[in-house]
Amino acid sequence: MKSILFIVVLAAILRFYNLGVNPPSLTWDEVAWGYNAYSLGIDGRDEHGRLLPLDYLESFGDFKPPLYAYLTIIPVKIFGLNEFAVRFPSALFGVLTVVVTYFLVKRLFGLHELTRIQTRINTNTVALLSAFFLAISPWHINLSRVAFEANVATFFIVCGVWLFLKSVQEKMWFLPLSVVSFIVSIYIFNTARVVAPILLLFLLL
């Protein structure tokens, strides 16, 4: 328990420390996320005046799935319209992805124990190493420290796989939660609209 707690704290430090100033300046996508969150938080309309858009945010003509903007409303309300608030959801879900990765890997390697296959692999050790390597991964830290909606979608896809395995191995009521997690991912990142349905179909098969 102490080991995974240490890893999570490390992941949080690497993702939240000086979040508002490093990387310096916002990308234009981050500016769009921040202003749309600010606008939605005032009267429920995006920067183009659309009321509670669920299909897309037009932004700079790239038509983003809208959920990241909705996730940013509360941080903007709390911290103000600034770099830290805009990046907060990405950093938070980056840390949560480390946590879910631990449980997913533990469950995957736990299949050996469930089927009584003899193995010398320590399930908990592998899960801890997986979470640790993700926590210190430069790739994942970079994604988590910028308002990349792909990073948040990754959390929901990983969570969806974990919940699916729980539904198969334990109780079926986890299955609707898994499906919801996959559905949420497609409202965050365009690529997830292709990846999530295919992955869910593969899991079902």
N, C-alpha and C. Protein backbone atom coordinates (compact mmCIF):
# COMPACT_ATOMS: atom_id res chain seq x y z
N MET A 1 0.84 -1.21 0.00
CA MET A 1 0.00 0.00 0.00
C MET A 1 0.87 1.26 0.00
N LYS A 2 1.95 1.24 0.80
CA LYS A 2 2.84 2.38 0.86
C LYS A 2 3.54 2.61 -0.46
N SER A 3 3.84 1.50 -1.15
CA SER A 3 4.56 1.61 -2.42
C SER A 3 3.73 2.32 -3.48
N ILE A 4 2.48 1.93 -3.64
CA ILE A 4 1.64 2.56 -4.65
C ILE A 4 1.33 4.00 -4.25
N LEU A 5 1.21 4.27 -2.96
CA LEU A 5 0.99 5.64 -2.50
C LEU A 5 2.19 6.52 -2.86
N PHE A 6 3.40 6.00 -2.65
CA PHE A 6 4.61 6.73 -3.02
C PHE A 6 4.63 7.03 -4.52
N ILE A 7 4.27 6.04 -5.33
CA ILE A 7 4.27 6.20 -6.78
C ILE A 7 3.26 7.26 -7.20
N VAL A 8 2.09 7.24 -6.58
CA VAL A 8 1.05 8.22 -6.92
C VAL A 8 1.50 9.63 -6.53
N VAL A 9 2.10 9.77 -5.36
CA VAL A 9 2.61 11.08 -4.93
C VAL A 9 3.69 11.56 -5.89
N LEU A 10 4.59 10.66 -6.28
CA LEU A 10 5.64 11.02 -7.25
C LEU A 10 5.02 11.47 -8.57
N ALA A 11 4.02 10.72 -9.04
CA ALA A 11 3.34 11.08 -10.29
C ALA A 11 2.69 12.46 -10.18
N ALA A 12 2.09 12.74 -9.02
CA ALA A 12 1.43 14.03 -8.82
C ALA A 12 2.45 15.17 -8.82
N ILE A 13 3.57 14.96 -8.16
CA ILE A 13 4.61 16.01 -8.13
C ILE A 13 5.13 16.29 -9.53
N LEU A 14 5.41 15.24 -10.29
CA LEU A 14 5.95 15.41 -11.64
C LEU A 14 4.96 16.07 -12.59
N ARG A 15 3.67 15.97 -12.28
CA ARG A 15 2.65 16.52 -13.17
C ARG A 15 2.13 17.88 -12.71
N PHE A 16 2.15 18.14 -11.42
CA PHE A 16 1.56 19.39 -10.92
C PHE A 16 2.59 20.47 -10.57
N TYR A 17 3.84 20.09 -10.32
CA TYR A 17 4.82 21.09 -9.89
C TYR A 17 5.05 22.13 -10.99
N ASN A 18 4.86 23.39 -10.66
CA ASN A 18 5.02 24.50 -11.61
C ASN A 18 4.20 24.31 -12.89
N LEU A 19 3.03 23.73 -12.73
CA LEU A 19 2.20 23.41 -13.89
C LEU A 19 1.82 24.65 -14.70
N GLY A 20 1.63 25.76 -14.01
CA GLY A 20 1.19 26.97 -14.70
C GLY A 20 2.27 27.67 -15.49
N VAL A 21 3.53 27.33 -15.22
CA VAL A 21 4.63 28.04 -15.91
C VAL A 21 5.54 27.11 -16.71
N ASN A 22 5.38 25.84 -16.57
CA ASN A 22 6.20 24.89 -17.31
C ASN A 22 5.34 23.75 -17.84
N PRO A 23 5.13 23.69 -19.16
CA PRO A 23 5.76 24.46 -20.24
C PRO A 23 5.34 25.94 -20.22
N PRO A 24 6.23 26.81 -20.72
CA PRO A 24 5.89 28.24 -20.76
C PRO A 24 4.87 28.53 -21.84
N SER A 25 3.93 29.39 -21.53
CA SER A 25 2.90 29.84 -22.48
C SER A 25 1.92 28.71 -22.81
N LEU A 26 0.76 29.11 -23.27
CA LEU A 26 -0.26 28.15 -23.69
C LEU A 26 -0.22 27.96 -25.20
N THR A 27 -0.57 26.75 -25.65
CA THR A 27 -0.78 26.54 -27.08
C THR A 27 -2.14 27.15 -27.44
N TRP A 28 -2.39 27.32 -28.73
CA TRP A 28 -3.69 27.90 -29.09
C TRP A 28 -4.84 26.95 -28.76
N ASP A 29 -4.57 25.63 -28.76
CA ASP A 29 -5.60 24.69 -28.34
C ASP A 29 -5.94 24.88 -26.86
N GLU A 30 -4.91 25.09 -26.04
CA GLU A 30 -5.13 25.31 -24.61
C GLU A 30 -5.92 26.59 -24.38
N VAL A 31 -5.60 27.63 -25.15
CA VAL A 31 -6.35 28.88 -25.03
C VAL A 31 -7.81 28.64 -25.36
N ALA A 32 -8.06 27.85 -26.40
CA ALA A 32 -9.45 27.55 -26.80
C ALA A 32 -10.18 26.78 -25.70
N TRP A 33 -9.49 25.79 -25.09
CA TRP A 33 -10.11 25.04 -24.00
C TRP A 33 -10.46 25.96 -22.84
N GLY A 34 -9.53 26.82 -22.49
CA GLY A 34 -9.75 27.71 -21.36
C GLY A 34 -10.88 28.68 -21.60
N TYR A 35 -10.91 29.30 -22.78
CA TYR A 35 -11.96 30.28 -23.03
C TYR A 35 -13.32 29.61 -23.16
N ASN A 36 -13.38 28.44 -23.79
CA ASN A 36 -14.66 27.73 -23.88
C ASN A 36 -15.16 27.32 -22.51
N ALA A 37 -14.25 26.86 -21.64
CA ALA A 37 -14.64 26.50 -20.27
C ALA A 37 -15.16 27.73 -19.53
N TYR A 38 -14.47 28.84 -19.69
CA TYR A 38 -14.88 30.09 -19.07
C TYR A 38 -16.26 30.51 -19.57
N SER A 39 -16.47 30.42 -20.88
CA SER A 39 -17.74 30.82 -21.48
C SER A 39 -18.88 29.89 -21.05
N LEU A 40 -18.60 28.57 -21.07
CA LEU A 40 -19.62 27.61 -20.66
C LEU A 40 -19.98 27.79 -19.18
N GLY A 41 -19.00 28.19 -18.38
CA GLY A 41 -19.25 28.39 -16.96
C GLY A 41 -20.09 29.61 -16.66
N ILE A 42 -20.19 30.53 -17.61
CA ILE A 42 -20.98 31.75 -17.41
C ILE A 42 -22.45 31.52 -17.75
N ASP A 43 -22.71 31.06 -18.97
CA ASP A 43 -24.11 30.92 -19.39
C ASP A 43 -24.39 29.63 -20.17
N GLY A 44 -23.45 28.68 -20.12
CA GLY A 44 -23.68 27.40 -20.80
C GLY A 44 -23.48 27.45 -22.30
N ARG A 45 -22.90 28.54 -22.80
CA ARG A 45 -22.68 28.67 -24.25
C ARG A 45 -21.18 28.69 -24.53
N ASP A 46 -20.80 28.07 -25.67
CA ASP A 46 -19.39 28.06 -26.04
C ASP A 46 -19.00 29.39 -26.69
N GLU A 47 -17.80 29.50 -27.20
CA GLU A 47 -17.30 30.75 -27.75
C GLU A 47 -18.08 31.21 -28.99
N HIS A 48 -18.81 30.28 -29.62
CA HIS A 48 -19.61 30.63 -30.79
C HIS A 48 -21.09 30.78 -30.45
N GLY A 49 -21.41 30.73 -29.17
CA GLY A 49 -22.79 30.96 -28.74
C GLY A 49 -23.67 29.75 -28.75
N ARG A 50 -23.13 28.55 -28.98
CA ARG A 50 -23.93 27.32 -28.99
C ARG A 50 -24.21 26.90 -27.55
N LEU A 51 -25.48 26.58 -27.26
CA LEU A 51 -25.90 26.23 -25.91
C LEU A 51 -25.58 24.77 -25.62
N LEU A 52 -24.79 24.56 -24.56
CA LEU A 52 -24.43 23.23 -24.07
C LEU A 52 -24.11 22.25 -25.20
N PRO A 53 -23.12 22.54 -26.01
CA PRO A 53 -22.79 21.64 -27.14
C PRO A 53 -22.29 20.29 -26.64
N LEU A 54 -22.82 19.23 -27.21
CA LEU A 54 -22.41 17.87 -26.86
C LEU A 54 -21.72 17.14 -28.02
N ASP A 55 -21.90 17.66 -29.23
CA ASP A 55 -21.32 16.99 -30.38
C ASP A 55 -19.91 17.46 -30.68
N TYR A 56 -19.67 18.76 -30.60
CA TYR A 56 -18.34 19.28 -30.88
C TYR A 56 -18.22 20.73 -30.42
N LEU A 57 -16.96 21.17 -30.30
CA LEU A 57 -16.65 22.58 -30.15
C LEU A 57 -15.91 22.99 -31.42
N GLU A 58 -16.41 24.03 -32.07
CA GLU A 58 -15.82 24.40 -33.36
C GLU A 58 -14.38 24.85 -33.23
N SER A 59 -14.08 25.59 -32.17
CA SER A 59 -12.73 26.05 -31.88
C SER A 59 -12.13 26.74 -33.10
N PHE A 60 -10.95 26.27 -33.56
CA PHE A 60 -10.28 26.88 -34.71
C PHE A 60 -10.62 26.15 -36.00
N GLY A 61 -11.79 25.55 -36.06
CA GLY A 61 -12.20 24.82 -37.24
C GLY A 61 -11.80 23.36 -37.21
N ASP A 62 -11.31 22.88 -36.04
CA ASP A 62 -10.92 21.47 -35.96
C ASP A 62 -11.96 20.62 -35.25
N PHE A 63 -13.04 21.23 -34.76
CA PHE A 63 -14.21 20.51 -34.26
C PHE A 63 -13.84 19.45 -33.22
N LYS A 64 -13.50 19.92 -32.04
CA LYS A 64 -13.07 19.05 -30.95
C LYS A 64 -14.27 18.44 -30.22
N PRO A 65 -14.16 17.19 -29.74
CA PRO A 65 -15.15 16.70 -28.78
C PRO A 65 -15.13 17.61 -27.55
N PRO A 66 -16.29 17.85 -26.94
CA PRO A 66 -16.39 18.97 -25.99
C PRO A 66 -16.05 18.68 -24.54
N LEU A 67 -15.86 17.42 -24.15
CA LEU A 67 -15.87 17.10 -22.72
C LEU A 67 -14.70 17.73 -21.96
N TYR A 68 -13.54 17.89 -22.60
CA TYR A 68 -12.43 18.49 -21.87
C TYR A 68 -12.79 19.90 -21.40
N ALA A 69 -13.51 20.64 -22.24
CA ALA A 69 -13.93 21.99 -21.84
C ALA A 69 -14.85 21.94 -20.62
N TYR A 70 -15.76 20.96 -20.59
CA TYR A 70 -16.65 20.83 -19.43
C TYR A 70 -15.86 20.46 -18.17
N LEU A 71 -14.84 19.61 -18.32
CA LEU A 71 -14.01 19.23 -17.17
C LEU A 71 -13.20 20.41 -16.64
N THR A 72 -13.00 21.42 -17.49
CA THR A 72 -12.18 22.56 -17.11
C THR A 72 -13.00 23.67 -16.45
N ILE A 73 -14.31 23.57 -16.50
CA ILE A 73 -15.16 24.64 -15.94
C ILE A 73 -14.88 24.87 -14.45
N ILE A 74 -14.89 23.79 -13.68
CA ILE A 74 -14.70 23.92 -12.23
C ILE A 74 -13.30 24.44 -11.89
N PRO A 75 -12.21 23.88 -12.48
CA PRO A 75 -10.89 24.47 -12.20
C PRO A 75 -10.81 25.96 -12.53
N VAL A 76 -11.44 26.38 -13.63
CA VAL A 76 -11.44 27.80 -14.00
C VAL A 76 -12.20 28.62 -12.95
N LYS A 77 -13.31 28.07 -12.46
CA LYS A 77 -14.08 28.75 -11.41
C LYS A 77 -13.26 28.90 -10.13
N ILE A 78 -12.48 27.85 -9.81
CA ILE A 78 -11.73 27.85 -8.55
C ILE A 78 -10.43 28.66 -8.66
N PHE A 79 -9.67 28.40 -9.72
CA PHE A 79 -8.33 28.99 -9.82
C PHE A 79 -8.27 30.22 -10.72
N GLY A 80 -9.38 30.50 -11.41
CA GLY A 80 -9.37 31.62 -12.36
C GLY A 80 -9.00 31.15 -13.75
N LEU A 81 -9.13 32.05 -14.70
CA LEU A 81 -8.82 31.72 -16.10
C LEU A 81 -7.32 31.88 -16.31
N ASN A 82 -6.58 30.81 -16.05
CA ASN A 82 -5.13 30.86 -16.16
C ASN A 82 -4.57 29.52 -16.62
N GLU A 83 -3.26 29.46 -16.78
CA GLU A 83 -2.60 28.27 -17.31
C GLU A 83 -2.82 27.05 -16.42
N PHE A 84 -2.71 27.24 -15.11
CA PHE A 84 -2.86 26.12 -14.17
C PHE A 84 -4.25 25.50 -14.28
N ALA A 85 -5.27 26.34 -14.32
CA ALA A 85 -6.65 25.84 -14.39
C ALA A 85 -6.90 25.07 -15.67
N VAL A 86 -6.38 25.57 -16.78
CA VAL A 86 -6.61 24.92 -18.08
C VAL A 86 -5.93 23.55 -18.12
N ARG A 87 -4.77 23.45 -17.51
CA ARG A 87 -4.01 22.19 -17.54
C ARG A 87 -4.38 21.23 -16.42
N PHE A 88 -5.14 21.72 -15.45
CA PHE A 88 -5.46 20.92 -14.27
C PHE A 88 -6.12 19.57 -14.60
N PRO A 89 -7.16 19.53 -15.45
CA PRO A 89 -7.78 18.22 -15.73
C PRO A 89 -6.81 17.22 -16.34
N SER A 90 -5.95 17.68 -17.24
CA SER A 90 -4.99 16.77 -17.86
C SER A 90 -4.02 16.21 -16.83
N ALA A 91 -3.51 17.07 -15.95
CA ALA A 91 -2.59 16.62 -14.90
C ALA A 91 -3.28 15.66 -13.93
N LEU A 92 -4.51 15.98 -13.55
CA LEU A 92 -5.27 15.13 -12.62
C LEU A 92 -5.50 13.74 -13.21
N PHE A 93 -5.98 13.70 -14.45
CA PHE A 93 -6.26 12.39 -15.06
C PHE A 93 -4.99 11.66 -15.43
N GLY A 94 -3.89 12.41 -15.60
CA GLY A 94 -2.61 11.74 -15.77
C GLY A 94 -2.22 10.97 -14.53
N VAL A 95 -2.42 11.56 -13.36
CA VAL A 95 -2.14 10.87 -12.09
C VAL A 95 -3.09 9.69 -11.92
N LEU A 96 -4.36 9.89 -12.23
CA LEU A 96 -5.35 8.81 -12.09
C LEU A 96 -5.06 7.64 -13.03
N THR A 97 -4.48 7.94 -14.20
CA THR A 97 -4.11 6.87 -15.13
C THR A 97 -3.05 5.97 -14.53
N VAL A 98 -2.12 6.57 -13.78
CA VAL A 98 -1.10 5.77 -13.08
C VAL A 98 -1.77 4.82 -12.09
N VAL A 99 -2.76 5.31 -11.37
CA VAL A 99 -3.48 4.48 -10.39
C VAL A 99 -4.22 3.34 -11.09
N VAL A 100 -4.95 3.65 -12.14
CA VAL A 100 -5.74 2.63 -12.84
C VAL A 100 -4.83 1.61 -13.52
N THR A 101 -3.68 2.07 -14.01
CA THR A 101 -2.72 1.15 -14.62
C THR A 101 -2.27 0.09 -13.62
N TYR A 102 -2.05 0.51 -12.39
CA TYR A 102 -1.67 -0.44 -11.34
C TYR A 102 -2.72 -1.53 -11.19
N PHE A 103 -3.98 -1.13 -11.09
CA PHE A 103 -5.05 -2.11 -10.90
C PHE A 103 -5.29 -2.96 -12.15
N LEU A 104 -5.12 -2.37 -13.33
CA LEU A 104 -5.30 -3.12 -14.56
C LEU A 104 -4.22 -4.19 -14.70
N VAL A 105 -2.98 -3.82 -14.50
CA VAL A 105 -1.89 -4.79 -14.63
C VAL A 105 -2.00 -5.88 -13.56
N LYS A 106 -2.37 -5.48 -12.37
CA LYS A 106 -2.55 -6.47 -11.29
C LYS A 106 -3.63 -7.48 -11.68
N ARG A 107 -4.68 -6.99 -12.30
CA ARG A 107 -5.77 -7.89 -12.72
C ARG A 107 -5.33 -8.77 -13.89
N LEU A 108 -4.59 -8.20 -14.83
CA LEU A 108 -4.14 -8.98 -15.99
C LEU A 108 -3.23 -10.12 -15.55
N PHE A 109 -2.27 -9.82 -14.70
CA PHE A 109 -1.36 -10.87 -14.24
C PHE A 109 -2.03 -11.76 -13.19
N GLY A 110 -3.10 -11.27 -12.59
CA GLY A 110 -3.86 -12.09 -11.67
C GLY A 110 -4.60 -13.22 -12.35
N LEU A 111 -4.72 -13.12 -13.69
CA LEU A 111 -5.37 -14.20 -14.45
C LEU A 111 -4.63 -15.52 -14.24
N HIS A 112 -3.31 -15.45 -14.07
CA HIS A 112 -2.54 -16.67 -13.81
C HIS A 112 -3.00 -17.34 -12.52
N GLU A 113 -3.24 -16.51 -11.52
CA GLU A 113 -3.67 -17.04 -10.23
C GLU A 113 -5.09 -17.59 -10.32
N LEU A 114 -5.95 -16.87 -11.08
CA LEU A 114 -7.34 -17.31 -11.20
C LEU A 114 -7.45 -18.65 -11.91
N THR A 115 -6.57 -18.89 -12.89
CA THR A 115 -6.60 -20.14 -13.62
C THR A 115 -5.66 -21.19 -13.05
N ARG A 116 -5.02 -20.82 -11.92
CA ARG A 116 -4.14 -21.73 -11.19
C ARG A 116 -2.94 -22.17 -12.03
N ILE A 117 -2.51 -21.32 -12.94
CA ILE A 117 -1.30 -21.59 -13.70
C ILE A 117 -0.11 -21.22 -12.83
N GLN A 118 0.84 -22.11 -12.70
CA GLN A 118 2.00 -21.84 -11.86
C GLN A 118 2.87 -20.77 -12.53
N THR A 119 3.23 -19.76 -11.79
CA THR A 119 4.07 -18.70 -12.32
C THR A 119 4.95 -18.14 -11.23
N ARG A 120 6.14 -17.71 -11.61
CA ARG A 120 7.06 -17.13 -10.63
C ARG A 120 6.90 -15.60 -10.60
N ILE A 121 6.01 -15.08 -11.39
CA ILE A 121 5.82 -13.64 -11.46
C ILE A 121 5.03 -13.17 -10.24
N ASN A 122 5.57 -12.20 -9.56
CA ASN A 122 4.86 -11.58 -8.45
C ASN A 122 3.92 -10.53 -9.03
N THR A 123 2.64 -10.78 -8.95
CA THR A 123 1.65 -9.91 -9.57
C THR A 123 1.74 -8.48 -9.09
N ASN A 124 1.84 -8.30 -7.78
CA ASN A 124 1.88 -6.95 -7.22
C ASN A 124 3.13 -6.20 -7.66
N THR A 125 4.26 -6.91 -7.74
CA THR A 125 5.51 -6.27 -8.15
C THR A 125 5.42 -5.77 -9.58
N VAL A 126 4.86 -6.59 -10.46
CA VAL A 126 4.70 -6.18 -11.86
C VAL A 126 3.77 -4.98 -11.97
N ALA A 127 2.69 -4.99 -11.20
CA ALA A 127 1.75 -3.87 -11.22
C ALA A 127 2.41 -2.58 -10.71
N LEU A 128 3.21 -2.71 -9.65
CA LEU A 128 3.90 -1.54 -9.11
C LEU A 128 4.92 -1.00 -10.10
N LEU A 129 5.66 -1.88 -10.75
CA LEU A 129 6.65 -1.45 -11.74
C LEU A 129 5.97 -0.77 -12.92
N SER A 130 4.83 -1.30 -13.33
CA SER A 130 4.10 -0.69 -14.46
C SER A 130 3.64 0.72 -14.10
N ALA A 131 3.08 0.86 -12.90
CA ALA A 131 2.63 2.18 -12.45
C ALA A 131 3.82 3.14 -12.31
N PHE A 132 4.93 2.63 -11.79
CA PHE A 132 6.12 3.47 -11.59
C PHE A 132 6.67 3.97 -12.92
N PHE A 133 6.81 3.06 -13.88
CA PHE A 133 7.36 3.46 -15.18
C PHE A 133 6.44 4.45 -15.89
N LEU A 134 5.13 4.29 -15.71
CA LEU A 134 4.22 5.28 -16.30
C LEU A 134 4.33 6.61 -15.57
N ALA A 135 4.51 6.55 -14.25
CA ALA A 135 4.62 7.77 -13.45
C ALA A 135 5.82 8.62 -13.86
N ILE A 136 6.93 7.97 -14.23
CA ILE A 136 8.14 8.71 -14.59
C ILE A 136 8.35 8.80 -16.10
N SER A 137 7.42 8.28 -16.87
CA SER A 137 7.55 8.29 -18.33
C SER A 137 7.56 9.73 -18.87
N PRO A 138 8.63 10.16 -19.54
CA PRO A 138 8.66 11.53 -20.10
C PRO A 138 7.49 11.77 -21.06
N TRP A 139 7.13 10.75 -21.81
CA TRP A 139 6.00 10.87 -22.76
C TRP A 139 4.71 11.21 -22.01
N HIS A 140 4.46 10.45 -20.95
CA HIS A 140 3.20 10.64 -20.24
C HIS A 140 3.21 11.92 -19.40
N ILE A 141 4.37 12.27 -18.84
CA ILE A 141 4.48 13.52 -18.09
C ILE A 141 4.21 14.70 -19.02
N ASN A 142 4.79 14.65 -20.23
CA ASN A 142 4.57 15.71 -21.21
C ASN A 142 3.10 15.85 -21.56
N LEU A 143 2.43 14.74 -21.80
CA LEU A 143 0.99 14.78 -22.12
C LEU A 143 0.18 15.33 -20.96
N SER A 144 0.62 15.02 -19.74
CA SER A 144 -0.15 15.40 -18.56
C SER A 144 0.03 16.86 -18.17
N ARG A 145 1.12 17.47 -18.60
CA ARG A 145 1.41 18.84 -18.20
C ARG A 145 0.91 19.87 -19.21
N VAL A 146 0.26 19.42 -20.23
CA VAL A 146 -0.36 20.30 -21.23
C VAL A 146 -1.81 19.85 -21.37
N ALA A 147 -2.68 20.77 -21.75
CA ALA A 147 -4.11 20.43 -21.89
C ALA A 147 -4.34 19.60 -23.14
N PHE A 148 -3.82 18.36 -23.10
CA PHE A 148 -4.03 17.41 -24.19
C PHE A 148 -5.23 16.54 -23.85
N GLU A 149 -6.28 16.65 -24.63
CA GLU A 149 -7.46 15.83 -24.37
C GLU A 149 -7.18 14.34 -24.57
N ALA A 150 -6.16 14.03 -25.40
CA ALA A 150 -5.78 12.63 -25.61
C ALA A 150 -5.37 11.97 -24.30
N ASN A 151 -4.75 12.73 -23.43
CA ASN A 151 -4.31 12.21 -22.14
C ASN A 151 -5.50 11.80 -21.27
N VAL A 152 -6.55 12.61 -21.27
CA VAL A 152 -7.75 12.29 -20.49
C VAL A 152 -8.48 11.10 -21.10
N ALA A 153 -8.54 11.05 -22.44
CA ALA A 153 -9.18 9.92 -23.11
C ALA A 153 -8.45 8.62 -22.78
N THR A 154 -7.12 8.68 -22.67
CA THR A 154 -6.34 7.50 -22.31
C THR A 154 -6.78 6.93 -20.97
N PHE A 155 -7.02 7.82 -20.00
CA PHE A 155 -7.49 7.36 -18.70
C PHE A 155 -8.78 6.56 -18.83
N PHE A 156 -9.76 7.10 -19.57
CA PHE A 156 -11.06 6.44 -19.66
C PHE A 156 -10.98 5.13 -20.45
N ILE A 157 -10.08 5.05 -21.41
CA ILE A 157 -9.92 3.79 -22.15
C ILE A 157 -9.29 2.73 -21.26
N VAL A 158 -8.23 3.10 -20.54
CA VAL A 158 -7.60 2.16 -19.61
C VAL A 158 -8.59 1.74 -18.53
N CYS A 159 -9.35 2.70 -18.02
CA CYS A 159 -10.36 2.40 -17.01
C CYS A 159 -11.43 1.48 -17.56
N GLY A 160 -11.81 1.69 -18.82
CA GLY A 160 -12.81 0.85 -19.46
C GLY A 160 -12.36 -0.60 -19.56
N VAL A 161 -11.09 -0.81 -19.90
CA VAL A 161 -10.56 -2.18 -19.99
C VAL A 161 -10.54 -2.82 -18.62
N TRP A 162 -10.09 -2.07 -17.61
CA TRP A 162 -10.04 -2.61 -16.25
C TRP A 162 -11.44 -3.00 -15.75
N LEU A 163 -12.41 -2.12 -15.96
CA LEU A 163 -13.78 -2.41 -15.51
C LEU A 163 -14.37 -3.59 -16.28
N PHE A 164 -14.01 -3.72 -17.56
CA PHE A 164 -14.51 -4.86 -18.34
C PHE A 164 -14.00 -6.17 -17.76
N LEU A 165 -12.70 -6.21 -17.42
CA LEU A 165 -12.14 -7.43 -16.84
C LEU A 165 -12.77 -7.73 -15.48
N LYS A 166 -13.04 -6.69 -14.70
CA LYS A 166 -13.72 -6.90 -13.42
C LYS A 166 -15.11 -7.49 -13.63
N SER A 167 -15.79 -7.03 -14.68
CA SER A 167 -17.14 -7.54 -14.94
C SER A 167 -17.11 -9.01 -15.34
N VAL A 168 -16.10 -9.39 -16.10
CA VAL A 168 -15.98 -10.78 -16.55
C VAL A 168 -15.58 -11.70 -15.40
N GLN A 169 -14.67 -11.22 -14.55
CA GLN A 169 -14.09 -12.06 -13.52
C GLN A 169 -14.83 -12.00 -12.19
N GLU A 170 -15.59 -10.90 -11.96
CA GLU A 170 -16.25 -10.75 -10.66
C GLU A 170 -17.76 -10.60 -10.81
N LYS A 171 -18.21 -9.35 -11.03
CA LYS A 171 -19.65 -9.10 -11.08
C LYS A 171 -19.99 -8.36 -12.37
N MET A 172 -21.06 -8.78 -13.03
CA MET A 172 -21.41 -8.24 -14.34
C MET A 172 -21.86 -6.78 -14.29
N TRP A 173 -22.19 -6.27 -13.10
CA TRP A 173 -22.65 -4.89 -13.05
C TRP A 173 -21.52 -3.91 -13.32
N PHE A 174 -20.26 -4.40 -13.37
CA PHE A 174 -19.15 -3.53 -13.78
C PHE A 174 -19.17 -3.27 -15.29
N LEU A 175 -19.87 -4.15 -16.05
CA LEU A 175 -19.88 -4.01 -17.50
C LEU A 175 -20.49 -2.69 -17.98
N PRO A 176 -21.67 -2.28 -17.46
CA PRO A 176 -22.19 -0.97 -17.87
C PRO A 176 -21.22 0.18 -17.55
N LEU A 177 -20.52 0.08 -16.42
CA LEU A 177 -19.54 1.12 -16.10
C LEU A 177 -18.40 1.14 -17.11
N SER A 178 -18.02 -0.05 -17.56
CA SER A 178 -16.98 -0.14 -18.59
C SER A 178 -17.43 0.51 -19.88
N VAL A 179 -18.65 0.21 -20.29
CA VAL A 179 -19.20 0.79 -21.52
C VAL A 179 -19.29 2.30 -21.40
N VAL A 180 -19.75 2.78 -20.24
CA VAL A 180 -19.84 4.24 -20.02
C VAL A 180 -18.46 4.87 -20.13
N SER A 181 -17.45 4.21 -19.58
CA SER A 181 -16.09 4.75 -19.63
C SER A 181 -15.60 4.87 -21.08
N PHE A 182 -15.88 3.86 -21.89
CA PHE A 182 -15.51 3.93 -23.30
C PHE A 182 -16.28 5.04 -24.02
N ILE A 183 -17.56 5.18 -23.69
CA ILE A 183 -18.38 6.22 -24.33
C ILE A 183 -17.86 7.60 -23.96
N VAL A 184 -17.51 7.79 -22.69
CA VAL A 184 -16.96 9.09 -22.26
C VAL A 184 -15.71 9.43 -23.05
N SER A 185 -14.87 8.43 -23.32
CA SER A 185 -13.62 8.69 -24.04
C SER A 185 -13.86 9.26 -25.42
N ILE A 186 -14.96 8.87 -26.07
CA ILE A 186 -15.19 9.36 -27.44
C ILE A 186 -15.71 10.80 -27.44
N TYR A 187 -16.12 11.28 -26.26
CA TYR A 187 -16.52 12.68 -26.15
C TYR A 187 -15.36 13.57 -25.69
N ILE A 188 -14.17 12.98 -25.64
CA ILE A 188 -12.99 13.73 -25.23
C ILE A 188 -11.99 13.90 -26.37
N PHE A 189 -11.78 12.83 -27.16
CA PHE A 189 -10.73 12.87 -28.18
C PHE A 189 -11.22 12.16 -29.44
N ASN A 190 -10.97 12.76 -30.58
CA ASN A 190 -11.49 12.22 -31.84
C ASN A 190 -10.99 10.81 -32.14
N THR A 191 -9.71 10.54 -31.87
CA THR A 191 -9.17 9.21 -32.15
C THR A 191 -9.89 8.13 -31.36
N ALA A 192 -10.34 8.47 -30.16
CA ALA A 192 -11.06 7.50 -29.33
C ALA A 192 -12.36 7.07 -29.98
N ARG A 193 -12.90 7.89 -30.88
CA ARG A 193 -14.13 7.52 -31.58
C ARG A 193 -13.92 6.32 -32.49
N VAL A 194 -12.67 6.07 -32.86
CA VAL A 194 -12.33 4.89 -33.66
C VAL A 194 -11.82 3.78 -32.75
N VAL A 195 -10.90 4.13 -31.84
CA VAL A 195 -10.23 3.13 -31.02
C VAL A 195 -11.17 2.47 -30.02
N ALA A 196 -11.97 3.27 -29.31
CA ALA A 196 -12.80 2.73 -28.22
C ALA A 196 -13.82 1.68 -28.70
N PRO A 197 -14.60 1.94 -29.77
CA PRO A 197 -15.54 0.90 -30.22
C PRO A 197 -14.85 -0.38 -30.67
N ILE A 198 -13.71 -0.25 -31.37
CA ILE A 198 -12.99 -1.43 -31.84
C ILE A 198 -12.46 -2.23 -30.66
N LEU A 199 -11.89 -1.52 -29.68
CA LEU A 199 -11.34 -2.19 -28.49
C LEU A 199 -12.45 -2.86 -27.69
N LEU A 200 -13.58 -2.20 -27.53
CA LEU A 200 -14.70 -2.80 -26.79
C LEU A 200 -15.22 -4.03 -27.52
N LEU A 201 -15.33 -3.95 -28.86
CA LEU A 201 -15.77 -5.11 -29.63
C LEU A 201 -14.79 -6.27 -29.48
N PHE A 202 -13.49 -5.96 -29.52
CA PHE A 202 -12.47 -6.99 -29.33
C PHE A 202 -12.61 -7.65 -27.97
N LEU A 203 -12.82 -6.85 -26.93
CA LEU A 203 -12.99 -7.38 -25.58
C LEU A 203 -14.22 -8.28 -25.49
N LEU A 204 -15.31 -7.83 -26.09
CA LEU A 204 -16.54 -8.64 -26.07
C LEU A 204 -16.34 -9.98 -26.77
N LEU A 205 -15.63 -9.95 -27.90
CA LEU A 205 -15.36 -11.21 -28.62
C LEU A 205 -14.48 -12.13 -27.78
